[in-house]
């Protein structure tokens, strides 16, 4: 028999029906009730997991079993066992299965519980996750993946398919994605590495770091720096308050900042680089260069195309190494208050 004086109490229920396994446990720890729920559902590859309307951290991990296992721990904000048991039953009722679809549909329990979920699921699975508050981690899953949280970080490792991640206040990190990426945060940094398809990155208040995107890349931030290494397609990078660095681009590049320097190296296509308050530097540019700054120097080495470079307050120095003069090789250099130096090949 349970009493209010007893420090530890527990209730365990086990059900094995229609291919599902269910367990729940309620204990008292340090003056608070802690609910634990475990549910396992038999599924096949290619199913769907939907998580929405909850507040708390969620960790999703792929495994080699034909099942989805949900393990939840909730620290309850109540004072009596009766209240705790009622919330426990409501939490358990939010988890359901319909064919090859498993869902967690939260209610207003976020007011009464601090929740953490760990979910194991098959490698090939669709995931639709929308939570109001908490960090999200996903590892090893491939499919149509949508991960959204209003206040928290999102980390994705070794995933595949189409990935859409969004947070209003947190950092985004994606490592090793075989697919397309759309990442957006209103208040954090973005870091990605090893993405095989197009990537669209957008943050209103952080830095962007990119390493190895095999196709087109769009990176935009309103208040941070952009650093890109090894882009396999066209690149567009824009920031209102930081530097831009692009090292190795297999296509054309458009780089614009309102308040920082621009550095570009090893560009296989054309380059547009414009800043309102910094230097513009480039090296090993195979195509046409269009560079402009209102407050800094412009320096380019080993350019094999036409050049247009203009600054309102700085020096301009350009080295042309063009060998095929059938290509456009027009040159326009301008400085309102600085020197201009131009280095040309001997046979030009």
Protein backbone atom coordinates (compact mmCIF):
# COMPACT_ATOMS: atom_id res chain seq x y z
CA UNK A 1 0.00 0.00 0.00
CA UNK A 2 1.32 3.43 -1.00
CA UNK A 3 1.31 6.39 1.40
CA UNK A 4 2.41 10.03 1.02
CA UNK A 5 5.31 9.31 3.40
CA UNK A 6 6.83 6.65 1.23
CA UNK A 7 9.80 8.04 -0.76
CA UNK A 8 9.72 5.61 -3.65
CA UNK A 9 6.65 4.23 -5.30
CA UNK A 10 6.16 2.49 -8.57
CA UNK A 11 3.54 1.22 -10.88
CA UNK A 12 4.46 -1.11 -13.73
CA UNK A 13 2.10 -2.21 -16.44
CA UNK A 14 3.12 -4.53 -19.28
CA UNK A 15 0.96 -5.16 -22.32
CA UNK A 16 1.80 -7.28 -25.38
CA UNK A 17 -0.93 -6.72 -27.94
CA UNK A 18 -0.92 -6.49 -31.74
CA UNK A 19 2.86 -6.42 -32.00
CA UNK A 20 3.38 -3.64 -29.44
CA UNK A 21 5.12 -3.65 -26.07
CA UNK A 22 4.27 -1.14 -23.38
CA UNK A 23 5.69 -0.33 -19.95
CA UNK A 24 5.32 2.57 -17.54
CA UNK A 25 6.91 3.47 -14.24
CA UNK A 26 6.32 6.23 -11.68
CA UNK A 27 8.83 7.07 -8.95
CA UNK A 28 9.48 9.88 -6.51
CA UNK A 29 12.96 11.41 -6.77
CA UNK A 30 14.22 14.37 -4.75
CA UNK A 31 10.74 15.51 -3.94
CA UNK A 32 9.41 15.30 -7.51
CA UNK A 33 7.58 12.57 -9.36
CA UNK A 34 9.33 11.11 -12.40
CA UNK A 35 7.37 9.20 -15.02
CA UNK A 36 8.99 6.71 -17.39
CA UNK A 37 7.20 5.33 -20.42
CA UNK A 38 8.45 2.74 -22.91
CA UNK A 39 6.54 1.65 -26.01
CA UNK A 40 7.65 -0.52 -28.93
CA UNK A 41 5.72 -0.84 -32.19
CA UNK A 42 6.29 -3.33 -35.00
CA UNK A 43 6.78 -1.48 -38.32
CA UNK A 44 8.39 -1.96 -41.71
CA UNK A 45 10.96 0.15 -43.50
CA UNK A 46 9.54 3.27 -45.15
CA UNK A 47 7.03 4.13 -42.45
CA UNK A 48 6.36 7.48 -40.82
CA UNK A 49 7.10 8.90 -37.39
CA UNK A 50 5.22 12.05 -36.37
CA UNK A 51 6.04 14.03 -33.22
CA UNK A 52 4.25 17.29 -32.52
CA UNK A 53 2.93 19.52 -29.79
CA UNK A 54 5.42 18.59 -27.06
CA UNK A 55 8.03 20.53 -25.12
CA UNK A 56 11.31 18.76 -24.39
CA UNK A 57 14.46 17.28 -25.89
CA UNK A 58 14.10 14.59 -28.56
CA UNK A 59 16.82 12.15 -29.67
CA UNK A 60 16.20 9.97 -32.74
CA UNK A 61 18.58 7.13 -33.62
CA UNK A 62 18.42 4.56 -36.41
CA UNK A 63 18.75 0.85 -35.66
CA UNK A 64 18.49 -2.41 -37.64
CA UNK A 65 15.23 -3.62 -36.10
CA UNK A 66 11.75 -3.62 -37.70
CA UNK A 67 10.27 -1.57 -34.90
CA UNK A 68 9.97 1.89 -33.39
CA UNK A 69 10.86 2.13 -29.70
CA UNK A 70 9.88 5.23 -27.73
CA UNK A 71 11.39 5.86 -24.31
CA UNK A 72 10.19 8.92 -22.43
CA UNK A 73 11.24 10.40 -19.10
CA UNK A 74 9.13 13.21 -17.65
CA UNK A 75 9.76 15.15 -14.45
CA UNK A 76 6.30 16.13 -13.28
CA UNK A 77 5.44 19.51 -11.77
CA UNK A 78 2.81 18.22 -9.33
CA UNK A 79 2.69 17.47 -5.59
CA UNK A 80 0.44 14.43 -5.19
CA UNK A 81 0.64 10.87 -6.48
CA UNK A 82 -2.89 11.06 -7.81
CA UNK A 83 -1.98 14.05 -9.98
CA UNK A 84 1.21 12.33 -11.14
CA UNK A 85 -0.64 9.15 -12.10
CA UNK A 86 -3.20 11.16 -14.04
CA UNK A 87 -0.50 12.96 -16.06
CA UNK A 88 1.32 9.66 -16.62
CA UNK A 89 -1.78 8.15 -18.19
CA UNK A 90 -2.26 11.23 -20.38
CA UNK A 91 1.35 11.07 -21.56
CA UNK A 92 0.96 7.40 -22.39
CA UNK A 93 -2.21 8.12 -24.34
CA UNK A 94 -0.40 10.56 -26.63
CA UNK A 95 1.60 7.72 -28.22
CA UNK A 96 -0.20 5.70 -30.90
CA UNK A 97 0.18 3.56 -34.02
CA UNK A 98 -1.88 3.45 -37.20
CA UNK A 99 -0.57 0.85 -39.63
CA UNK A 100 3.00 1.79 -40.51
CA UNK A 101 2.66 5.21 -38.88
CA UNK A 102 3.71 5.95 -35.30
CA UNK A 103 2.77 9.24 -33.70
CA UNK A 104 3.22 11.32 -30.55
CA UNK A 105 0.62 14.07 -30.35
CA UNK A 106 1.18 16.30 -27.32
CA UNK A 107 -1.44 18.25 -25.45
CA UNK A 108 -1.08 20.78 -22.64
CA UNK A 109 1.14 18.51 -20.52
CA UNK A 110 4.09 20.83 -21.17
CA UNK A 111 2.74 22.95 -18.32
CA UNK A 112 3.12 20.03 -15.90
CA UNK A 113 6.15 18.09 -17.15
CA UNK A 114 9.76 18.49 -18.29
CA UNK A 115 10.06 15.80 -20.96
CA UNK A 116 12.86 13.91 -22.68
CA UNK A 117 12.30 11.40 -25.49
CA UNK A 118 14.65 8.84 -26.98
CA UNK A 119 13.33 7.15 -30.11
CA UNK A 120 14.89 4.27 -32.06
CA UNK A 121 13.56 3.65 -35.57
CA UNK A 122 14.47 1.88 -38.83
CA UNK A 123 17.10 3.47 -41.06
CA UNK A 124 14.63 4.16 -43.89
CA UNK A 125 11.82 6.20 -42.33
CA UNK A 126 9.96 9.47 -42.80
CA UNK A 127 10.20 11.82 -39.81
CA UNK A 128 7.95 14.83 -39.18
CA UNK A 129 8.84 16.53 -35.90
CA UNK A 130 7.51 19.86 -34.64
CA UNK A 131 8.08 20.71 -30.99
CA UNK A 132 7.70 23.96 -29.12
CA UNK A 133 10.80 23.86 -26.94
CA UNK A 134 13.81 21.56 -26.81
CA UNK A 135 16.91 20.26 -28.57
CA UNK A 136 16.64 17.74 -31.41
CA UNK A 137 19.25 15.13 -32.37
CA UNK A 138 18.94 12.72 -35.30
CA UNK A 139 21.48 10.05 -36.29
CA UNK A 140 21.54 7.54 -39.12
CA UNK A 141 18.03 8.01 -40.55
CA UNK A 142 17.27 8.41 -44.28
CA UNK A 143 14.01 9.64 -45.78
CA UNK A 144 11.91 12.77 -45.87
CA UNK A 145 13.07 14.49 -42.67
CA UNK A 146 11.44 17.59 -41.17
CA UNK A 147 12.77 18.73 -37.78
CA UNK A 148 11.43 21.94 -36.23
CA UNK A 149 11.75 23.40 -32.76
CA UNK A 150 10.90 26.88 -31.52
CA UNK A 151 13.64 27.10 -28.90
CA UNK A 152 16.53 24.68 -29.19
CA UNK A 153 19.48 23.33 -31.15
CA UNK A 154 19.19 20.79 -33.98
CA UNK A 155 21.96 18.29 -34.74
CA UNK A 156 21.84 15.80 -37.63
CA UNK A 157 24.56 13.21 -38.31
CA UNK A 158 24.84 10.54 -41.04
CA UNK A 159 21.41 11.13 -42.57
CA UNK A 160 20.00 10.79 -46.07
CA UNK A 161 17.14 12.12 -48.19
CA UNK A 162 15.54 15.55 -47.97
CA UNK A 163 16.30 17.40 -44.73
CA UNK A 164 14.35 20.47 -43.55
CA UNK A 165 15.48 21.85 -40.17
CA UNK A 166 14.25 25.01 -38.50
CA UNK A 167 14.63 26.66 -35.10
CA UNK A 168 13.69 30.12 -33.93
CA UNK A 169 16.38 30.29 -31.24
CA UNK A 170 19.24 27.85 -31.52
CA UNK A 171 22.17 26.47 -33.49
CA UNK A 172 21.96 24.07 -36.44
CA UNK A 173 24.57 21.42 -37.25
CA UNK A 174 24.51 18.88 -40.09
CA UNK A 175 27.34 16.40 -40.65
CA UNK A 176 27.29 13.86 -43.51
CA UNK A 177 24.00 14.24 -45.38
CA UNK A 178 23.32 12.28 -48.57
CA UNK A 179 20.62 14.56 -49.87
CA UNK A 180 19.27 18.11 -50.06
CA UNK A 181 19.31 20.53 -47.11
CA UNK A 182 17.14 23.48 -46.11
CA UNK A 183 18.29 24.96 -42.77
CA UNK A 184 16.95 28.08 -41.08
CA UNK A 185 17.44 29.67 -37.66
CA UNK A 186 16.43 33.09 -36.41
CA UNK A 187 18.96 33.25 -33.60
CA UNK A 188 21.95 30.95 -33.92
CA UNK A 189 24.89 29.61 -35.91
CA UNK A 190 24.79 27.12 -38.78
CA UNK A 191 27.52 24.54 -39.36
CA UNK A 192 27.38 21.92 -42.11
CA UNK A 193 29.84 19.43 -43.60
CA UNK A 194 29.66 16.80 -46.33
CA UNK A 195 26.32 17.44 -48.06
CA UNK A 196 25.83 15.73 -51.43
CA UNK A 197 23.00 17.88 -52.86
CA UNK A 198 21.91 21.53 -52.82
CA UNK A 199 22.01 23.40 -49.51
CA UNK A 200 20.03 26.50 -48.50
CA UNK A 201 21.16 28.12 -45.22
CA UNK A 202 19.59 31.12 -43.53
CA UNK A 203 20.19 32.72 -40.12
CA UNK A 204 19.20 36.13 -38.81
CA UNK A 205 21.72 36.29 -36.01
CA UNK A 206 24.71 34.00 -36.35
CA UNK A 207 27.68 32.71 -38.31
CA UNK A 208 27.63 30.16 -41.12
CA UNK A 209 30.38 27.55 -41.55
CA UNK A 210 30.35 25.20 -44.55
CA UNK A 211 32.75 22.43 -45.54
CA UNK A 212 32.08 20.28 -48.63
CA UNK A 213 28.76 20.84 -50.39
CA UNK A 214 28.74 18.97 -53.69
CA UNK A 215 26.11 21.07 -55.46
CA UNK A 216 24.63 24.59 -55.28
CA UNK A 217 24.87 26.54 -52.03
CA UNK A 218 22.93 29.55 -50.76
CA UNK A 219 24.07 31.04 -47.43
CA UNK A 220 22.53 34.14 -45.86
CA UNK A 221 22.93 35.81 -42.48
CA UNK A 222 21.93 39.23 -41.21
CA UNK A 223 24.45 39.40 -38.41
CA UNK A 224 27.44 37.13 -38.79
CA UNK A 225 30.34 35.80 -40.82
CA UNK A 226 30.24 33.24 -43.64
CA UNK A 227 33.04 30.74 -44.21
CA UNK A 228 32.79 28.24 -47.08
CA UNK A 229 35.25 25.56 -48.15
CA UNK A 230 34.85 23.21 -51.11
CA UNK A 231 31.61 24.01 -52.94
CA UNK A 232 30.79 21.76 -55.89
CA UNK A 233 28.34 24.12 -57.60
CA UNK A 234 27.32 27.76 -57.72
CA UNK A 235 27.56 29.76 -54.49
CA UNK A 236 25.54 32.72 -53.26
CA UNK A 237 26.61 34.17 -49.90
CA UNK A 238 25.20 37.34 -48.35
CA UNK A 239 25.64 38.94 -44.93
CA UNK A 240 24.77 42.35 -43.54
CA UNK A 241 27.36 42.36 -40.79
CA UNK A 242 30.44 40.20 -41.27
CA UNK A 243 33.24 38.83 -43.42
CA UNK A 244 32.84 36.30 -46.23
CA UNK A 245 35.45 33.68 -47.07
CA UNK A 246 35.11 31.25 -50.00
CA UNK A 247 37.85 28.69 -50.65
CA UNK A 248 37.32 26.45 -53.71
CA UNK A 249 34.15 26.76 -55.78
CA UNK A 250 33.41 24.64 -58.86
CA UNK A 251 30.88 27.13 -60.26
CA UNK A 252 30.02 30.82 -60.21
CA UNK A 253 30.07 32.78 -56.95
CA UNK A 254 28.14 35.83 -55.75
CA UNK A 255 29.49 37.25 -52.46
CA UNK A 256 28.00 40.34 -50.83
CA UNK A 257 28.42 41.95 -47.41
CA UNK A 258 27.47 45.34 -46.03
CA UNK A 259 30.12 45.41 -43.34
CA UNK A 260 33.15 43.17 -43.81
CA UNK A 261 35.97 41.79 -45.94
CA UNK A 262 35.62 39.32 -48.81
CA UNK A 263 38.22 36.63 -49.57
CA UNK A 264 37.83 34.26 -52.53
CA UNK A 265 40.25 31.63 -53.76
CA UNK A 266 40.13 28.99 -56.52
CA UNK A 267 36.88 29.89 -58.27
CA UNK A 268 36.16 27.85 -61.43
CA UNK A 269 33.53 30.26 -62.76
CA UNK A 270 32.72 33.95 -62.55
CA UNK A 271 33.00 35.95 -59.33
CA UNK A 272 30.94 38.87 -58.08
CA UNK A 273 32.29 40.29 -54.81
CA UNK A 274 30.88 43.49 -53.31
CA UNK A 275 31.15 45.08 -49.86
CA UNK A 276 30.27 48.46 -48.42
CA UNK A 277 32.93 48.44 -45.74
CA UNK A 278 35.97 46.24 -46.25
CA UNK A 279 38.64 44.76 -48.49
CA UNK A 280 38.10 42.43 -51.44
CA UNK A 281 40.80 39.83 -52.09
CA UNK A 282 40.92 37.03 -54.65
CA UNK A 283 43.30 34.44 -56.07
CA UNK A 284 43.07 31.89 -58.88
CA UNK A 285 39.84 33.04 -60.53
CA UNK A 286 39.08 31.25 -63.81
CA UNK A 287 36.23 33.47 -64.99
CA UNK A 288 35.09 37.06 -64.98
CA UNK A 289 35.57 39.25 -61.87
CA UNK A 290 33.24 42.05 -60.77
CA UNK A 291 34.52 43.56 -57.49
CA UNK A 292 33.50 46.70 -55.63
CA UNK A 293 33.97 48.26 -52.19
CA UNK A 294 33.15 51.64 -50.71
CA UNK A 295 35.86 51.55 -48.08
CA UNK A 296 38.85 49.30 -48.72
CA UNK A 297 41.51 47.88 -51.04
CA UNK A 298 40.94 45.43 -53.88
CA UNK A 299 43.60 42.80 -54.57
CA UNK A 300 43.39 39.98 -57.15
CA UNK A 301 46.01 37.48 -58.29
CA UNK A 302 45.93 34.97 -61.14
CA UNK A 303 42.72 36.09 -62.86
CA UNK A 304 41.99 34.42 -66.22
CA UNK A 305 39.02 36.51 -67.32
CA UNK A 306 37.71 40.05 -67.63
CA UNK A 307 37.97 42.30 -64.56
CA UNK A 308 35.91 45.20 -63.31
CA UNK A 309 37.13 46.54 -59.94
CA UNK A 310 36.16 49.81 -58.26
CA UNK A 311 36.78 51.30 -54.81
CA UNK A 312 35.90 54.68 -53.33
CA UNK A 313 38.64 54.70 -50.70
CA UNK A 314 41.52 52.35 -51.32
CA UNK A 315 44.08 50.85 -53.68
CA UNK A 316 43.42 48.47 -56.57
CA UNK A 317 45.93 45.80 -57.60
CA UNK A 318 45.12 43.15 -60.22
CA UNK A 319 47.21 40.43 -61.89
CA UNK A 320 45.88 39.02 -65.19
CA UNK A 321 47.19 35.59 -66.29
CA UNK A 322 44.81 35.03 -69.18
CA UNK A 323 46.25 32.77 -71.90
CA UNK A 324 43.26 32.34 -74.24
CA UNK A 325 42.61 35.80 -75.66
CA UNK A 326 39.45 34.63 -77.43
CA UNK A 327 37.82 34.95 -74.02
CA UNK A 328 36.52 38.28 -72.75
CA UNK A 329 39.55 40.14 -71.37
CA UNK A 330 38.23 43.66 -70.88
CA UNK A 331 39.64 45.45 -67.83
CA UNK A 332 38.15 48.36 -65.90
CA UNK A 333 39.87 49.53 -62.70
CA UNK A 334 38.81 52.57 -60.66
CA UNK A 335 39.84 54.19 -57.38
CA UNK A 336 38.65 57.58 -56.10
CA UNK A 337 41.47 58.03 -53.58
CA UNK A 338 44.15 55.41 -54.08
CA UNK A 339 46.67 53.86 -56.44
CA UNK A 340 46.02 51.36 -59.25
CA UNK A 341 48.41 48.61 -60.32
CA UNK A 342 47.78 46.20 -63.19
CA UNK A 343 49.98 43.22 -64.11
CA UNK A 344 49.45 41.76 -67.61
CA UNK A 345 50.84 38.70 -69.41
CA UNK A 346 53.64 39.45 -71.88
CA UNK A 347 51.68 38.39 -74.97
CA UNK A 348 48.48 40.25 -74.19
